[in-house]
Amino acid sequence: MIQKTTNPRIALEVRNLHKAFGQKVVHRGVSFELYEGEILGLFGGSGTGKSVVLRSIIGLEKPDQGEIIFEGTNIVGLKEKHLVKIRTQMGYVFQNGALFDSLTVEENLAYPLKEHTSLSAQEIHLRVNKMLELIDMKGSNSLFPSELSGGMQKRAGLARATILEPKVILFDEPTAGLDPVNTKRLLENIKKLKKGGITGIFVTHDIPSAFEIADRIAILYQGKIYIIDTVENIKKSTDPLVQSFVSGSFH
């Protein structure tokens, strides 16, 4: 497990990100640092571009201005062939799990390993089984996504996003659409990964889940990071805007 230090190493840095879609300006200079071994919760109202931040980091959106520094390199504007390598070091947990419908659970989880490692078929099978055990889905290898519940699909998506042991994991509304029981199970799975020292950004409308998972919270407001602080300090804040997020009354 990665130990917290007084001077944590920066895993990822977002500098002065600007992004507009036509006349709609989403980001007006988003800047923050993500430290190794932490999960950063990212809050914001609807349409503030929380998911756009994640999509920009993974290279699915191109910012109009700004830098995203990962492993000492500004990855904004990199050609696709260079982005492919970056993406193997970043896991993306999509809202819907984003599993391949025509592949079994085992084939879905094995896919990144076959594409990006030189592991043998036996080694891949063992890694898949280990991951399925971690997410409480032991024995589901031969099931297809259509045979899984919504909660199981999300957990399988989490497993596939993390099976390459990426340096950064991007969680895009992972608990959206889940009932309280499945939300709890998914959070328990993420906590297991966190004990292993994962680094991630957790985008969500689900404030209680973020408080349970995150080390720090950043609030995206009017195109910029309005505040970034520890969960404890965010909960205690007397700032009216922060309080409205904490209480869930902000829209």
Protein backbone atom coordinates (compact mmCIF):
# COMPACT_ATOMS: atom_id res chain seq x y z
CA MET A 1 0.00 0.00 0.00
CA ILE A 2 1.23 3.49 -0.86
CA GLN A 3 1.97 5.42 2.32
CA LYS A 4 0.76 9.01 2.58
CA THR A 5 3.70 11.35 2.98
CA THR A 6 3.96 15.04 3.81
CA ASN A 7 5.14 15.64 0.25
CA PRO A 8 3.11 13.23 -1.89
CA ARG A 9 4.15 12.65 -5.46
CA ILE A 10 1.92 14.15 -8.13
CA ALA A 11 0.39 11.41 -10.29
CA LEU A 12 -1.44 13.74 -12.66
CA GLU A 13 -1.69 17.49 -13.11
CA VAL A 14 -4.41 19.40 -14.94
CA ARG A 15 -3.37 22.95 -15.83
CA ASN A 16 -5.64 25.74 -17.05
CA LEU A 17 -8.05 23.57 -19.05
CA HIS A 18 -10.45 25.42 -21.35
CA LYS A 19 -13.18 23.71 -23.35
CA ALA A 20 -16.23 24.92 -25.26
CA PHE A 21 -18.78 23.06 -27.35
CA GLY A 22 -19.92 25.67 -29.87
CA GLN A 23 -21.31 28.59 -27.84
CA LYS A 24 -21.42 26.58 -24.61
CA VAL A 25 -18.29 27.22 -22.56
CA VAL A 26 -17.71 24.33 -20.14
CA HIS A 27 -14.21 24.86 -18.74
CA ARG A 28 -12.69 28.28 -18.11
CA GLY A 29 -9.34 27.30 -16.62
CA VAL A 30 -9.69 24.06 -14.67
CA SER A 31 -6.55 23.29 -12.65
CA PHE A 32 -5.82 20.66 -9.99
CA GLU A 33 -3.26 18.07 -8.91
CA LEU A 34 -3.93 14.41 -8.22
CA TYR A 35 -1.54 12.77 -5.75
CA GLU A 36 -0.32 9.19 -5.82
CA GLY A 37 -2.38 6.91 -3.62
CA GLU A 38 -5.35 9.25 -3.24
CA ILE A 39 -8.87 9.31 -4.62
CA LEU A 40 -10.06 12.78 -5.53
CA GLY A 41 -13.83 13.28 -5.56
CA LEU A 42 -15.00 15.69 -8.26
CA PHE A 43 -18.36 17.40 -7.68
CA GLY A 44 -20.26 19.81 -9.88
CA GLY A 45 -23.77 20.57 -11.02
CA SER A 46 -25.24 19.08 -14.19
CA GLY A 47 -23.52 20.38 -17.31
CA THR A 48 -20.42 21.65 -15.50
CA GLY A 49 -18.20 19.26 -17.43
CA LYS A 50 -17.12 16.76 -14.77
CA SER A 51 -17.09 13.88 -17.25
CA VAL A 52 -15.45 16.14 -19.85
CA VAL A 53 -12.48 16.45 -17.47
CA LEU A 54 -12.14 12.66 -17.42
CA ARG A 55 -12.63 12.35 -21.17
CA SER A 56 -9.94 14.99 -21.71
CA ILE A 57 -7.52 13.11 -19.45
CA ILE A 58 -8.03 9.86 -21.38
CA GLY A 59 -7.79 11.67 -24.75
CA LEU A 60 -11.44 11.24 -25.85
CA GLU A 61 -11.91 15.03 -25.79
CA LYS A 62 -9.37 17.60 -26.91
CA PRO A 63 -9.22 20.71 -24.70
CA ASP A 64 -9.17 24.07 -26.50
CA GLN A 65 -6.37 25.20 -24.21
CA GLY A 66 -4.37 23.90 -21.27
CA GLU A 67 -2.15 20.98 -20.30
CA ILE A 68 -2.60 17.56 -18.74
CA ILE A 69 0.71 16.34 -17.33
CA PHE A 70 1.09 12.59 -16.83
CA GLU A 71 4.44 10.87 -16.28
CA GLY A 72 6.20 14.13 -17.09
CA THR A 73 4.49 14.53 -20.47
CA ASN A 74 1.77 16.91 -21.62
CA ILE A 75 -0.68 14.44 -23.15
CA VAL A 76 -2.95 17.07 -24.72
CA GLY A 77 -2.57 16.89 -28.48
CA LEU A 78 -0.70 13.58 -28.57
CA LYS A 79 -1.29 11.46 -31.65
CA GLU A 80 -3.52 8.39 -31.28
CA LYS A 81 -0.59 5.93 -31.38
CA HIS A 82 0.95 7.65 -28.35
CA LEU A 83 -2.40 7.90 -26.55
CA VAL A 84 -2.84 4.11 -26.82
CA LYS A 85 0.16 3.61 -24.55
CA ILE A 86 -1.10 6.27 -22.10
CA ARG A 87 -4.52 4.58 -21.95
CA THR A 88 -2.99 1.29 -20.81
CA GLN A 89 -1.82 3.19 -17.71
CA MET A 90 -5.25 4.70 -17.05
CA GLY A 91 -8.41 2.76 -16.24
CA TYR A 92 -11.79 4.26 -17.16
CA VAL A 93 -14.84 3.05 -15.25
CA PHE A 94 -17.83 3.97 -17.40
CA GLN A 95 -21.33 4.66 -16.03
CA ASN A 96 -22.83 1.59 -17.67
CA GLY A 97 -19.89 -0.81 -17.27
CA ALA A 98 -19.27 -0.68 -21.06
CA LEU A 99 -18.79 -4.43 -21.41
CA PHE A 100 -18.65 -6.12 -24.82
CA ASP A 101 -22.09 -7.78 -25.21
CA SER A 102 -20.80 -10.62 -27.38
CA LEU A 103 -18.03 -11.65 -24.95
CA THR A 104 -18.33 -13.58 -21.69
CA VAL A 105 -17.25 -12.03 -18.40
CA GLU A 106 -13.94 -13.89 -18.63
CA GLU A 107 -13.36 -12.74 -22.23
CA ASN A 108 -14.22 -9.15 -21.29
CA LEU A 109 -11.70 -9.11 -18.46
CA ALA A 110 -9.09 -11.00 -20.47
CA TYR A 111 -9.33 -8.62 -23.44
CA PRO A 112 -6.98 -5.86 -22.09
CA LEU A 113 -4.49 -8.49 -20.94
CA LYS A 114 -4.42 -10.16 -24.38
CA GLU A 115 -4.07 -6.79 -26.12
CA HIS A 116 -1.43 -5.18 -23.91
CA THR A 117 0.57 -7.89 -22.11
CA SER A 118 2.60 -10.97 -23.02
CA LEU A 119 0.94 -13.13 -20.37
CA SER A 120 0.16 -16.73 -21.29
CA ALA A 121 -3.45 -17.95 -21.55
CA GLN A 122 -3.06 -19.69 -18.17
CA GLU A 123 -1.65 -16.56 -16.51
CA ILE A 124 -4.52 -14.49 -17.96
CA HIS A 125 -7.07 -17.02 -16.68
CA LEU A 126 -5.54 -16.88 -13.18
CA ARG A 127 -5.49 -13.06 -13.18
CA VAL A 128 -9.15 -12.98 -14.30
CA ASN A 129 -10.16 -15.42 -11.54
CA LYS A 130 -8.28 -13.39 -8.94
CA MET A 131 -10.07 -10.23 -10.06
CA LEU A 132 -13.49 -11.92 -10.08
CA GLU A 133 -12.88 -13.07 -6.53
CA LEU A 134 -11.94 -9.52 -5.53
CA ILE A 135 -15.25 -8.12 -6.87
CA ASP A 136 -17.37 -10.94 -5.36
CA MET A 137 -18.17 -12.49 -8.76
CA LYS A 138 -16.31 -15.79 -8.46
CA GLY A 139 -17.63 -18.39 -10.91
CA SER A 140 -19.28 -15.89 -13.28
CA ASN A 141 -16.61 -16.46 -15.99
CA SER A 142 -18.91 -17.91 -18.64
CA LEU A 143 -21.85 -15.50 -18.18
CA PHE A 144 -22.62 -12.86 -20.79
CA PRO A 145 -23.32 -9.22 -19.84
CA SER A 146 -27.04 -9.69 -20.60
CA GLU A 147 -27.13 -12.35 -17.87
CA LEU A 148 -25.72 -10.00 -15.22
CA SER A 149 -27.63 -7.61 -12.98
CA GLY A 150 -26.88 -3.88 -13.32
CA GLY A 151 -24.73 -4.02 -10.21
CA MET A 152 -22.74 -7.00 -11.50
CA GLN A 153 -22.20 -5.27 -14.86
CA LYS A 154 -20.73 -2.26 -13.07
CA ARG A 155 -18.49 -4.43 -10.91
CA ALA A 156 -17.28 -6.35 -13.97
CA GLY A 157 -16.62 -3.00 -15.67
CA LEU A 158 -14.60 -1.93 -12.63
CA ALA A 159 -12.61 -5.18 -12.80
CA ARG A 160 -11.86 -4.76 -16.51
CA ALA A 161 -10.78 -1.13 -16.00
CA THR A 162 -8.35 -2.11 -13.25
CA ILE A 163 -7.04 -5.49 -14.41
CA LEU A 164 -3.97 -3.94 -16.09
CA GLU A 165 -3.12 -2.31 -12.74
CA PRO A 166 -3.22 1.21 -14.18
CA LYS A 167 -1.50 4.13 -12.47
CA VAL A 168 -4.68 6.25 -12.49
CA ILE A 169 -8.32 5.14 -12.47
CA LEU A 170 -11.06 7.47 -13.71
CA PHE A 171 -14.49 6.74 -12.22
CA ASP A 172 -17.33 8.30 -14.23
CA GLU A 173 -20.50 8.26 -12.10
CA PRO A 174 -19.88 4.62 -11.10
CA THR A 175 -22.85 4.41 -8.71
CA ALA A 176 -25.39 6.06 -11.06
CA GLY A 177 -28.55 3.98 -11.38
CA LEU A 178 -27.65 1.55 -8.61
CA ASP A 179 -29.88 0.80 -5.65
CA PRO A 180 -28.41 1.25 -2.13
CA VAL A 181 -27.44 -2.43 -1.79
CA ASN A 182 -25.52 -2.53 -5.08
CA THR A 183 -24.00 0.89 -4.40
CA LYS A 184 -22.65 -0.45 -1.10
CA ARG A 185 -21.20 -3.54 -2.81
CA LEU A 186 -19.51 -1.46 -5.52
CA LEU A 187 -18.04 0.90 -2.92
CA GLU A 188 -16.71 -2.07 -0.94
CA ASN A 189 -14.98 -3.28 -4.12
CA ILE A 190 -13.43 0.15 -4.69
CA LYS A 191 -12.29 0.23 -1.05
CA LYS A 192 -10.49 -3.10 -1.56
CA LEU A 193 -8.65 -1.56 -4.52
CA LYS A 194 -7.92 1.54 -2.45
CA LYS A 195 -6.23 -0.59 0.20
CA GLY A 196 -3.90 -1.70 -2.58
CA GLY A 197 -2.92 1.95 -3.12
CA ILE A 198 -4.87 2.93 -6.24
CA THR A 199 -4.92 6.53 -7.45
CA GLY A 200 -8.13 7.86 -8.95
CA ILE A 201 -10.63 10.61 -9.74
CA PHE A 202 -14.19 9.87 -8.66
CA VAL A 203 -16.77 11.92 -10.60
CA THR A 204 -20.20 11.69 -9.03
CA HIS A 205 -23.51 13.28 -7.99
CA ASP A 206 -23.56 10.77 -5.14
CA ILE A 207 -22.15 12.89 -2.30
CA PRO A 208 -22.30 10.22 0.48
CA SER A 209 -20.41 7.73 -1.73
CA ALA A 210 -17.73 10.29 -2.55
CA PHE A 211 -17.28 11.12 1.14
CA GLU A 212 -16.86 7.41 1.84
CA ILE A 213 -14.29 6.83 -0.92
CA ALA A 214 -12.42 10.11 -1.47
CA ASP A 215 -9.46 11.64 0.37
CA ARG A 216 -10.05 15.12 -1.03
CA ILE A 217 -12.96 16.81 -2.78
CA ALA A 218 -12.83 19.30 -5.65
CA ILE A 219 -15.91 21.31 -6.65
CA LEU A 220 -16.25 22.40 -10.26
CA TYR A 221 -18.25 25.63 -10.53
CA GLN A 222 -18.60 28.16 -13.35
CA GLY A 223 -15.86 26.49 -15.37
CA LYS A 224 -13.19 26.40 -12.66
CA ILE A 225 -12.27 24.48 -9.52
CA TYR A 226 -14.05 26.52 -6.84
CA ILE A 227 -12.44 24.70 -3.92
CA ILE A 228 -10.31 21.61 -3.31
CA ASP A 229 -9.81 20.31 0.23
CA THR A 230 -9.95 17.24 2.46
CA VAL A 231 -13.30 15.52 2.97
CA GLU A 232 -13.21 16.57 6.62
CA ASN A 233 -12.70 20.25 5.78
CA ILE A 234 -15.34 20.19 3.05
CA LYS A 235 -17.89 18.74 5.49
CA LYS A 236 -17.06 21.45 8.06
CA SER A 237 -16.99 24.33 5.54
CA THR A 238 -19.17 27.35 6.25
CA ASP A 239 -19.05 28.47 2.61
CA PRO A 240 -22.69 28.59 1.37
CA LEU A 241 -21.85 27.05 -2.03
CA VAL A 242 -19.89 24.20 -0.44
CA GLN A 243 -22.69 23.66 2.09
CA SER A 244 -25.22 23.41 -0.74
CA PHE A 245 -23.19 20.58 -2.31
CA VAL A 246 -22.72 18.79 0.99
CA SER A 247 -26.45 18.95 1.74
CA GLY A 248 -27.35 17.88 -1.79
CA SER A 249 -29.46 20.99 -2.36
CA PHE A 250 -27.25 22.36 -5.18
CA HIS A 251 -28.62 21.87 -8.70
